[in-house]
């Protein structure tokens, strides 16, 4: 299984860390590291953004649920 195939199974923290490392290597790595980083960066960026959006939606839903008036049993 390649790293690209494993991205969806990674935790949010692992995706963020891998993305940070890939960005660093794309700028500071040797040619082989830059090539590898360039290959996975688009997928990592997409995955990180999708997960960020999902977290925002969950947060928004929780806040909306907290604002709903609750019925009190008489």
N, C-alpha and C. Protein backbone atom coordinates (compact mmCIF):
# COMPACT_ATOMS: atom_id res chain seq x y z
N UNK A 1 0.84 -1.17 0.00
CA UNK A 1 0.00 0.00 0.00
C UNK A 1 0.90 1.25 0.00
N UNK A 2 0.63 2.15 -0.90
CA UNK A 2 1.44 3.37 -0.99
C UNK A 2 0.97 4.39 0.03
N UNK A 3 1.78 5.39 0.24
CA UNK A 3 1.43 6.45 1.17
C UNK A 3 0.16 7.17 0.71
N UNK A 4 0.03 7.39 -0.57
CA UNK A 4 -1.17 8.04 -1.09
C UNK A 4 -2.43 7.24 -0.75
N UNK A 5 -2.33 5.93 -0.80
CA UNK A 5 -3.48 5.08 -0.49
C UNK A 5 -3.79 5.09 1.00
N UNK A 6 -2.79 5.35 1.82
CA UNK A 6 -2.97 5.33 3.27
C UNK A 6 -3.53 6.64 3.83
N UNK A 7 -3.49 7.71 3.07
CA UNK A 7 -3.90 9.02 3.58
C UNK A 7 -5.30 9.02 4.19
N UNK A 8 -6.31 8.45 3.56
CA UNK A 8 -7.65 8.48 4.17
C UNK A 8 -7.73 7.77 5.53
N UNK A 9 -6.86 6.82 5.77
CA UNK A 9 -6.90 6.06 7.03
C UNK A 9 -6.09 6.74 8.14
N UNK A 10 -5.37 7.78 7.82
CA UNK A 10 -4.56 8.48 8.82
C UNK A 10 -5.45 9.33 9.73
N UNK A 11 -4.99 9.55 10.95
CA UNK A 11 -5.72 10.43 11.86
C UNK A 11 -5.52 11.88 11.40
N UNK A 12 -6.35 12.77 11.92
CA UNK A 12 -6.22 14.18 11.57
C UNK A 12 -4.83 14.70 11.91
N UNK A 13 -4.33 14.32 13.08
CA UNK A 13 -3.01 14.76 13.51
C UNK A 13 -1.92 14.25 12.56
N UNK A 14 -2.04 13.00 12.13
CA UNK A 14 -1.05 12.43 11.22
C UNK A 14 -1.07 13.14 9.87
N UNK A 15 -2.26 13.49 9.40
CA UNK A 15 -2.37 14.21 8.12
C UNK A 15 -1.69 15.57 8.23
N UNK A 16 -1.97 16.28 9.32
CA UNK A 16 -1.37 17.62 9.51
C UNK A 16 0.15 17.51 9.61
N UNK A 17 0.64 16.53 10.36
CA UNK A 17 2.10 16.37 10.50
C UNK A 17 2.75 15.99 9.17
N UNK A 18 2.13 15.09 8.45
CA UNK A 18 2.68 14.67 7.16
C UNK A 18 2.66 15.83 6.17
N UNK A 19 1.60 16.62 6.19
CA UNK A 19 1.51 17.79 5.33
C UNK A 19 2.62 18.78 5.65
N UNK A 20 2.85 19.04 6.93
CA UNK A 20 3.92 19.97 7.33
C UNK A 20 5.28 19.45 6.87
N UNK A 21 5.50 18.16 7.04
CA UNK A 21 6.79 17.58 6.61
C UNK A 21 6.95 17.64 5.10
N UNK A 22 5.88 17.36 4.37
CA UNK A 22 5.96 17.40 2.91
C UNK A 22 6.24 18.82 2.43
N UNK A 23 5.59 19.80 3.05
CA UNK A 23 5.84 21.20 2.67
C UNK A 23 7.30 21.58 2.95
N UNK A 24 7.80 21.16 4.11
CA UNK A 24 9.19 21.47 4.46
C UNK A 24 10.15 20.82 3.46
N UNK A 25 9.91 19.54 3.16
CA UNK A 25 10.80 18.84 2.23
C UNK A 25 10.71 19.39 0.81
N UNK A 26 9.55 19.90 0.43
CA UNK A 26 9.43 20.47 -0.91
C UNK A 26 10.28 21.72 -1.08
N UNK A 27 10.60 22.36 0.04
CA UNK A 27 11.44 23.55 -0.01
C UNK A 27 12.90 23.28 0.34
N UNK A 28 13.13 22.36 1.29
CA UNK A 28 14.47 22.19 1.83
C UNK A 28 15.10 20.84 1.54
N UNK A 29 14.35 19.92 0.97
CA UNK A 29 14.88 18.58 0.76
C UNK A 29 15.78 18.49 -0.46
N UNK A 30 16.39 17.30 -0.60
CA UNK A 30 17.17 17.06 -1.81
C UNK A 30 16.19 16.79 -2.97
N UNK A 31 16.71 16.56 -4.15
CA UNK A 31 15.84 16.41 -5.33
C UNK A 31 14.85 15.26 -5.19
N UNK A 32 15.31 14.15 -4.63
CA UNK A 32 14.43 12.98 -4.45
C UNK A 32 13.31 13.31 -3.46
N UNK A 33 13.64 13.99 -2.37
CA UNK A 33 12.65 14.36 -1.36
C UNK A 33 11.66 15.38 -1.92
N UNK A 34 12.17 16.32 -2.72
CA UNK A 34 11.30 17.32 -3.33
C UNK A 34 10.31 16.66 -4.29
N UNK A 35 10.77 15.68 -5.05
CA UNK A 35 9.91 14.97 -5.98
C UNK A 35 8.84 14.18 -5.24
N UNK A 36 9.22 13.51 -4.16
CA UNK A 36 8.26 12.74 -3.37
C UNK A 36 7.24 13.66 -2.72
N UNK A 37 7.69 14.78 -2.21
CA UNK A 37 6.79 15.74 -1.57
C UNK A 37 5.81 16.31 -2.60
N UNK A 38 6.31 16.63 -3.78
CA UNK A 38 5.44 17.17 -4.83
C UNK A 38 4.37 16.18 -5.24
N UNK A 39 4.68 14.91 -5.15
CA UNK A 39 3.72 13.86 -5.53
C UNK A 39 2.56 13.77 -4.53
N UNK A 40 2.87 13.93 -3.24
CA UNK A 40 1.81 13.73 -2.25
C UNK A 40 1.17 15.02 -1.74
N UNK A 41 1.80 16.16 -1.97
CA UNK A 41 1.26 17.42 -1.46
C UNK A 41 -0.18 17.71 -1.88
N UNK A 42 -0.54 17.57 -3.15
CA UNK A 42 -1.94 17.88 -3.52
C UNK A 42 -2.96 17.01 -2.78
N UNK A 43 -2.68 15.74 -2.64
CA UNK A 43 -3.60 14.85 -1.93
C UNK A 43 -3.68 15.20 -0.45
N UNK A 44 -2.55 15.50 0.14
CA UNK A 44 -2.53 15.87 1.56
C UNK A 44 -3.26 17.19 1.80
N UNK A 45 -3.05 18.16 0.94
CA UNK A 45 -3.72 19.44 1.08
C UNK A 45 -5.23 19.29 0.95
N UNK A 46 -5.67 18.48 0.00
CA UNK A 46 -7.09 18.23 -0.19
C UNK A 46 -7.68 17.54 1.03
N UNK A 47 -7.02 16.51 1.51
CA UNK A 47 -7.50 15.76 2.68
C UNK A 47 -7.55 16.65 3.91
N UNK A 48 -6.52 17.44 4.13
CA UNK A 48 -6.49 18.33 5.30
C UNK A 48 -7.61 19.35 5.23
N UNK A 49 -7.87 19.89 4.06
CA UNK A 49 -8.94 20.88 3.91
C UNK A 49 -10.31 20.24 4.12
N UNK A 50 -10.52 19.05 3.59
CA UNK A 50 -11.80 18.35 3.79
C UNK A 50 -12.04 18.07 5.26
N UNK A 51 -11.01 17.65 5.96
CA UNK A 51 -11.14 17.37 7.38
C UNK A 51 -11.38 18.65 8.18
N UNK A 52 -10.75 19.73 7.77
CA UNK A 52 -10.96 21.01 8.45
C UNK A 52 -12.40 21.47 8.27
N UNK A 53 -12.91 21.34 7.05
CA UNK A 53 -14.30 21.71 6.79
C UNK A 53 -15.27 20.85 7.59
N UNK A 54 -14.99 19.56 7.68
CA UNK A 54 -15.85 18.66 8.44
C UNK A 54 -15.85 19.05 9.92
N UNK A 55 -14.68 19.41 10.47
CA UNK A 55 -14.61 19.84 11.86
C UNK A 55 -15.42 21.12 12.07
N UNK A 56 -15.32 22.06 11.12
CA UNK A 56 -16.08 23.30 11.23
C UNK A 56 -17.59 23.03 11.20
N UNK A 57 -18.01 22.12 10.35
CA UNK A 57 -19.43 21.77 10.26
C UNK A 57 -19.92 21.12 11.55
N UNK A 58 -19.10 20.22 12.12
CA UNK A 58 -19.49 19.59 13.39
C UNK A 58 -19.60 20.63 14.50
N UNK A 59 -18.65 21.56 14.53
CA UNK A 59 -18.67 22.62 15.54
C UNK A 59 -19.90 23.49 15.36
N UNK A 60 -20.20 23.84 14.12
CA UNK A 60 -21.36 24.67 13.83
C UNK A 60 -22.64 23.95 14.28
N UNK A 61 -22.74 22.66 14.01
CA UNK A 61 -23.92 21.89 14.40
C UNK A 61 -24.04 21.82 15.93
N UNK A 62 -22.93 21.64 16.62
CA UNK A 62 -22.97 21.59 18.09
C UNK A 62 -23.42 22.93 18.67
N UNK A 63 -22.92 24.02 18.10
CA UNK A 63 -23.31 25.34 18.59
C UNK A 63 -24.79 25.60 18.33
N UNK A 64 -25.27 25.20 17.17
CA UNK A 64 -26.68 25.38 16.85
C UNK A 64 -27.55 24.56 17.79
N UNK A 65 -27.12 23.36 18.09
CA UNK A 65 -27.89 22.50 19.01
C UNK A 65 -27.90 23.09 20.42
N UNK A 66 -26.83 23.72 20.82
CA UNK A 66 -26.75 24.31 22.15
C UNK A 66 -27.65 25.55 22.26
N UNK A 67 -27.90 26.21 21.15
CA UNK A 67 -28.73 27.41 21.16
C UNK A 67 -30.23 27.09 21.14
N UNK A 68 -30.60 25.90 20.73
CA UNK A 68 -32.02 25.54 20.65
C UNK A 68 -32.61 25.57 22.06
N UNK A 69 -33.77 26.19 22.19
CA UNK A 69 -34.42 26.16 23.51
C UNK A 69 -34.88 24.74 23.84
N UNK A 70 -34.63 24.36 25.04
CA UNK A 70 -35.03 23.01 25.46
C UNK A 70 -36.35 23.09 26.19
N UNK A 71 -37.19 22.12 25.90
CA UNK A 71 -38.50 22.07 26.57
C UNK A 71 -38.29 21.51 27.97
N UNK A 72 -38.93 22.13 28.90
CA UNK A 72 -38.84 21.70 30.28
C UNK A 72 -40.13 20.96 30.62
N UNK A 73 -40.00 19.76 31.17
CA UNK A 73 -41.17 18.98 31.55
C UNK A 73 -41.84 19.63 32.75
N UNK A 74 -43.15 19.74 32.68
CA UNK A 74 -43.90 20.38 33.78
C UNK A 74 -44.31 19.42 34.85
